Amino acid sequence: MSPYSDSSSSSNTKGKGTRYPISQFLNYHNLSSTHKSFVAFISRVVEPTTFAQASTDPLWQEAMDEEIQALEQNNTWSITPLPAGKHPIGCKWVYKVKYNSDGSVERYKARLVAKGYTQQEGLDYTETFSPTAKLVNFKHVNAL
């Protein structure tokens, strides 16, 4: 049985297949050798999806250290006591490899993001404010 076959059309119900394998729709034969090399290179670099994966690699550890240092230098947060009955907002690491125009790795970027989506309206907050610039205000500032 092919690893790309549809298991529902097979009498073997134990194996799992891919219903729409990308190999049926994607062809690398028309790419130049430079582009093939680039695709092969970026396929080797794996971006971790969890902290546990990233913490085993010194390059990702360094990226996380740089992010923490930048957050501290920018005074991004201040430690305060948590009000009674409130729960802290969790955070998550997001990892991304940044490439130069020639396909070489520029750097490993780690971002620490808040899980704001876990908040509940009325319980964790009562109103929101998103500062947006209106065109009229922008024209007034430019006129000065």
Protein backbone atom coordinates (compact mmCIF):
# COMPACT_ATOMS: atom_id res chain seq x y z
CA MET A 1 0.00 0.00 0.00
CA SER A 2 1.39 3.40 -0.97
CA PRO A 3 1.91 5.89 1.88
CA TYR A 4 -0.13 8.37 -0.18
CA SER A 5 -3.11 6.15 -0.86
CA ASP A 6 -6.59 6.80 0.40
CA SER A 7 -7.30 4.29 3.16
CA SER A 8 -11.06 4.52 2.61
CA SER A 9 -10.74 3.01 -0.87
CA SER A 10 -8.60 0.14 0.34
CA SER A 11 -9.66 -3.10 1.93
CA ASN A 12 -6.92 -2.59 4.53
CA THR A 13 -8.62 -0.47 7.21
CA LYS A 14 -5.65 -0.54 9.60
CA GLY A 15 -3.44 1.83 7.60
CA LYS A 16 -3.95 5.56 7.44
CA GLY A 17 -3.44 7.39 4.19
CA THR A 18 -3.54 10.87 2.84
CA ARG A 19 -6.69 11.62 0.94
CA TYR A 20 -5.09 14.36 -1.20
CA PRO A 21 -1.32 13.88 -1.26
CA ILE A 22 0.60 16.98 -2.28
CA SER A 23 2.81 14.89 -4.56
CA GLN A 24 -0.10 14.59 -7.00
CA PHE A 25 -0.33 18.36 -7.36
CA LEU A 26 3.21 19.64 -6.84
CA ASN A 27 6.08 19.12 -9.24
CA TYR A 28 9.66 20.29 -8.66
CA HIS A 29 10.93 19.36 -12.14
CA ASN A 30 10.37 22.85 -13.58
CA LEU A 31 12.30 24.63 -10.81
CA SER A 32 15.81 25.87 -11.43
CA SER A 33 18.63 24.16 -9.55
CA THR A 34 18.94 27.24 -7.31
CA HIS A 35 15.29 27.04 -6.32
CA LYS A 36 15.53 23.28 -5.76
CA SER A 37 18.50 23.87 -3.44
CA PHE A 38 16.56 26.53 -1.55
CA VAL A 39 13.53 24.26 -1.12
CA ALA A 40 15.75 21.43 0.09
CA PHE A 41 17.53 23.76 2.53
CA ILE A 42 14.44 25.27 4.12
CA SER A 43 12.92 21.82 4.42
CA ARG A 44 15.84 20.81 6.67
CA VAL A 45 15.36 23.62 9.19
CA VAL A 46 12.59 22.70 11.60
CA GLU A 47 10.71 25.34 13.56
CA PRO A 48 9.72 23.96 16.96
CA THR A 49 6.08 24.09 17.97
CA THR A 50 6.57 23.65 21.71
CA PHE A 51 8.86 25.01 24.39
CA ALA A 52 10.06 21.48 25.12
CA GLN A 53 11.29 21.08 21.54
CA ALA A 54 12.99 24.50 21.46
CA SER A 55 14.67 24.16 24.84
CA THR A 56 16.80 21.26 23.57
CA ASP A 57 18.46 23.38 20.86
CA PRO A 58 21.09 26.00 21.84
CA LEU A 59 20.13 28.23 18.87
CA TRP A 60 16.52 28.45 20.04
CA GLN A 61 17.62 28.90 23.67
CA GLU A 62 19.69 31.90 22.58
CA ALA A 63 16.71 33.31 20.64
CA MET A 64 14.50 32.98 23.73
CA ASP A 65 17.14 34.67 25.90
CA GLU A 66 17.34 37.57 23.42
CA GLU A 67 13.55 37.97 23.50
CA ILE A 68 13.44 38.05 27.31
CA GLN A 69 16.29 40.60 27.39
CA ALA A 70 14.50 42.80 24.83
CA LEU A 71 11.25 42.65 26.81
CA GLU A 72 13.06 43.61 30.01
CA GLN A 73 15.02 46.45 28.34
CA ASN A 74 11.78 47.88 26.91
CA ASN A 75 10.05 47.71 30.32
CA THR A 76 7.32 45.64 28.71
CA TRP A 77 5.88 44.53 32.03
CA SER A 78 5.95 45.22 35.72
CA ILE A 79 5.40 42.60 38.37
CA THR A 80 2.35 43.35 40.50
CA PRO A 81 0.30 41.31 42.95
CA LEU A 82 -2.62 39.46 41.37
CA PRO A 83 -6.04 40.68 42.64
CA ALA A 84 -8.05 38.14 44.60
CA GLY A 85 -10.13 35.84 42.42
CA LYS A 86 -8.23 36.68 39.23
CA HIS A 87 -6.20 34.28 37.13
CA PRO A 88 -3.00 35.29 35.31
CA ILE A 89 -2.98 35.32 31.52
CA GLY A 90 -0.76 32.57 30.21
CA CYS A 91 1.91 33.00 27.59
CA LYS A 92 3.31 30.95 24.75
CA TRP A 93 6.52 30.90 22.74
CA VAL A 94 6.28 31.25 18.96
CA TYR A 95 9.31 30.27 16.88
CA LYS A 96 10.24 31.39 13.37
CA VAL A 97 13.37 31.07 11.23
CA LYS A 98 14.19 34.27 9.35
CA TYR A 99 16.00 33.90 6.02
CA ASN A 100 18.22 36.21 3.98
CA SER A 101 17.37 36.84 0.33
CA ASP A 102 19.93 34.22 -0.72
CA GLY A 103 18.18 31.54 1.34
CA SER A 104 20.68 31.40 4.18
CA VAL A 105 19.43 31.59 7.76
CA GLU A 106 19.50 35.17 9.03
CA ARG A 107 18.45 34.33 12.58
CA TYR A 108 16.25 32.28 14.82
CA LYS A 109 13.41 34.42 16.15
CA ALA A 110 11.48 33.56 19.31
CA ARG A 111 8.52 35.65 20.47
CA LEU A 112 6.79 35.43 23.83
CA VAL A 113 3.10 36.15 23.30
CA ALA A 114 0.21 36.47 25.74
CA LYS A 115 -2.73 34.12 25.48
CA GLY A 116 -5.23 36.97 25.54
CA TYR A 117 -7.85 34.76 23.96
CA THR A 118 -8.30 33.03 27.32
CA GLN A 119 -9.87 36.14 28.84
CA GLN A 120 -13.63 36.34 29.33
CA GLU A 121 -15.56 39.56 28.81
CA GLY A 122 -17.15 40.81 32.01
CA LEU A 123 -14.90 38.62 34.13
CA ASP A 124 -11.37 39.62 33.08
CA TYR A 125 -12.20 42.90 31.33
CA THR A 126 -15.20 45.16 30.76
CA GLU A 127 -14.22 47.16 27.72
CA THR A 128 -11.57 47.26 25.03
CA PHE A 129 -9.87 50.11 23.24
CA SER A 130 -8.00 49.90 19.99
CA PRO A 131 -6.26 53.15 19.08
CA THR A 132 -6.72 53.88 15.40
CA ALA A 133 -5.74 56.97 13.48
CA LYS A 134 -8.50 58.63 11.50
CA LEU A 135 -7.60 60.38 8.26
CA VAL A 136 -9.01 63.70 9.56
CA ASN A 137 -6.73 63.60 12.61
CA PHE A 138 -3.75 62.73 10.44
CA LYS A 139 -4.45 65.73 8.16
CA HIS A 140 -4.65 68.06 11.18
CA VAL A 141 -1.31 66.87 12.51
CA ASN A 142 0.30 67.22 9.08
CA ALA A 143 -1.06 70.77 8.76
CA LEU A 144 0.79 71.80 11.92
